[in-house]
């Protein structure tokens, strides 16, 4: 190998090595337990987006099992929330049905996501400790 080719090979190798070190890697995905779900949502505000149109939502989950929920474009509503089994978060939307999700945690980034019944994963769940406004302006 000539000196020029050797230098290029070294530079390419260094670029790959630096790129590998600098790339953010997602940590392990951990499914939250019933106790972890309750601790995460109870007394706190959750927000994010869902669906193909990335519809915004924000909700306050009270410790008594009531969630005050605002879906952008809809009136604020109240829905019971509960944990079912060992690891499933549920909301009762009355005539809309009961919706249940697993919640996963990326152990490295701290990002939380809902896992829908079809196995698809929601965008990031934003978690704020305590109760915060759930209006969109």
Protein backbone atom coordinates (compact mmCIF):
# COMPACT_ATOMS: atom_id res chain seq x y z
CA UNK A 1 0.00 0.00 0.00
CA UNK A 2 1.36 3.42 -0.88
CA UNK A 3 1.80 6.16 1.70
CA UNK A 4 -1.24 8.03 0.27
CA UNK A 5 -3.49 4.97 0.41
CA UNK A 6 -2.22 4.15 3.88
CA UNK A 7 -3.02 7.66 5.12
CA UNK A 8 -6.52 7.50 3.62
CA UNK A 9 -7.12 4.07 5.16
CA UNK A 10 -5.98 5.38 8.55
CA UNK A 11 -8.24 8.47 8.25
CA UNK A 12 -11.20 6.30 7.22
CA UNK A 13 -10.58 3.95 10.14
CA UNK A 14 -10.39 6.87 12.57
CA UNK A 15 -13.61 8.36 11.19
CA UNK A 16 -15.41 5.03 11.71
CA UNK A 17 -14.00 4.69 15.24
CA UNK A 18 -14.92 8.25 16.25
CA UNK A 19 -18.36 7.89 14.68
CA UNK A 20 -18.96 4.71 16.61
CA UNK A 21 -17.99 6.32 19.91
CA UNK A 22 -19.99 9.50 19.28
CA UNK A 23 -23.19 7.81 18.11
CA UNK A 24 -25.91 7.83 20.76
CA UNK A 25 -27.00 4.31 21.50
CA UNK A 26 -30.38 3.49 22.92
CA UNK A 27 -30.28 1.53 26.10
CA UNK A 28 -32.22 -1.57 26.95
CA UNK A 29 -36.02 -1.29 26.71
CA UNK A 30 -37.50 -2.21 30.07
CA UNK A 31 -41.24 -2.83 30.52
CA UNK A 32 -42.41 -1.02 33.64
CA UNK A 33 -44.06 -3.04 36.40
CA UNK A 34 -47.45 -2.18 37.91
CA UNK A 35 -45.74 -0.44 40.86
CA UNK A 36 -43.45 1.54 38.52
CA UNK A 37 -46.39 2.59 36.34
CA UNK A 38 -48.37 3.76 39.36
CA UNK A 39 -45.39 5.71 40.70
CA UNK A 40 -44.79 7.28 37.29
CA UNK A 41 -48.31 8.47 36.49
CA UNK A 42 -49.94 9.04 39.88
CA UNK A 43 -50.01 12.74 40.75
CA UNK A 44 -48.20 13.73 37.55
CA UNK A 45 -48.84 15.26 34.12
CA UNK A 46 -48.27 13.25 30.94
CA UNK A 47 -48.24 14.68 27.43
CA UNK A 48 -47.22 13.80 23.91
CA UNK A 49 -48.70 12.98 20.53
CA UNK A 50 -50.50 9.99 19.05
CA UNK A 51 -51.93 8.74 15.77
CA UNK A 52 -51.08 9.38 12.15
CA UNK A 53 -51.80 13.10 12.53
CA UNK A 54 -49.61 13.43 15.65
CA UNK A 55 -52.55 14.71 17.69
CA UNK A 56 -51.40 16.34 20.93
CA UNK A 57 -52.64 15.20 24.32
CA UNK A 58 -51.99 16.25 27.89
CA UNK A 59 -53.39 14.70 31.03
CA UNK A 60 -53.20 14.87 34.79
CA UNK A 61 -53.38 11.48 36.48
CA UNK A 62 -54.71 11.82 40.00
CA UNK A 63 -53.77 9.30 42.70
CA UNK A 64 -57.47 8.41 43.14
CA UNK A 65 -57.55 6.81 39.67
CA UNK A 66 -59.07 9.72 37.75
CA UNK A 67 -57.30 11.24 34.73
CA UNK A 68 -58.22 14.70 33.46
CA UNK A 69 -57.43 14.47 29.75
CA UNK A 70 -57.22 17.05 26.98
CA UNK A 71 -56.86 15.85 23.40
CA UNK A 72 -56.16 18.78 21.07
CA UNK A 73 -59.36 19.77 19.29
CA UNK A 74 -61.64 18.05 21.83
CA UNK A 75 -63.17 19.12 25.13
CA UNK A 76 -61.39 18.17 28.34
CA UNK A 77 -62.71 14.88 29.68
CA UNK A 78 -62.39 12.73 32.76
CA UNK A 79 -61.53 9.04 32.48
CA UNK A 80 -60.68 6.45 35.12
CA UNK A 81 -57.16 5.06 34.90
CA UNK A 82 -55.90 1.85 36.46
CA UNK A 83 -53.13 -0.71 36.29
CA UNK A 84 -54.12 -4.20 35.17
CA UNK A 85 -52.03 -7.23 35.91
CA UNK A 86 -48.30 -7.03 36.39
CA UNK A 87 -47.45 -4.37 33.80
CA UNK A 88 -50.36 -2.77 31.94
CA UNK A 89 -51.68 0.83 32.15
CA UNK A 90 -55.35 1.30 31.19
CA UNK A 91 -57.85 4.12 30.68
CA UNK A 92 -61.63 3.68 30.52
CA UNK A 93 -63.01 5.96 27.80
CA UNK A 94 -66.62 4.95 28.55
CA UNK A 95 -68.36 4.33 25.21
CA UNK A 96 -64.99 4.60 23.45
CA UNK A 97 -63.80 1.48 25.26
CA UNK A 98 -60.96 0.59 27.57
CA UNK A 99 -57.49 1.20 26.17
CA UNK A 100 -54.52 -0.59 27.70
CA UNK A 101 -50.81 -0.18 27.04
CA UNK A 102 -47.49 -1.40 28.28
CA UNK A 103 -45.03 1.37 29.13
CA UNK A 104 -41.38 0.89 28.24
CA UNK A 105 -38.38 2.79 29.54
CA UNK A 106 -35.12 3.25 27.66
CA UNK A 107 -32.66 2.59 30.47
CA UNK A 108 -30.00 4.86 28.96
CA UNK A 109 -31.98 7.90 27.80
CA UNK A 110 -34.87 7.72 30.27
CA UNK A 111 -37.38 8.02 27.40
CA UNK A 112 -40.74 6.41 28.06
CA UNK A 113 -43.15 5.14 25.39
CA UNK A 114 -46.52 3.40 25.25
CA UNK A 115 -46.59 0.02 23.53
CA UNK A 116 -49.92 -0.44 21.75
CA UNK A 117 -51.78 -3.75 21.53
CA UNK A 118 -50.50 -4.25 17.95
CA UNK A 119 -46.90 -3.95 19.21
CA UNK A 120 -46.28 -0.50 17.72
CA UNK A 121 -44.57 2.09 19.92
CA UNK A 122 -45.76 5.63 20.60
CA UNK A 123 -43.61 8.72 20.38
CA UNK A 124 -41.98 9.82 23.63
CA UNK A 125 -44.19 10.32 26.70
CA UNK A 126 -43.38 13.66 28.34
CA UNK A 127 -43.59 13.39 32.10
CA UNK A 128 -43.82 16.39 34.43
CA UNK A 129 -43.91 15.90 38.17
CA UNK A 130 -47.05 17.36 39.72
CA UNK A 131 -49.98 18.95 37.96
CA UNK A 132 -49.41 21.35 35.08
CA UNK A 133 -51.72 23.10 32.60
CA UNK A 134 -53.21 20.78 29.99
CA UNK A 135 -54.34 23.47 27.55
CA UNK A 136 -52.87 24.06 24.09
CA UNK A 137 -52.11 27.61 23.07
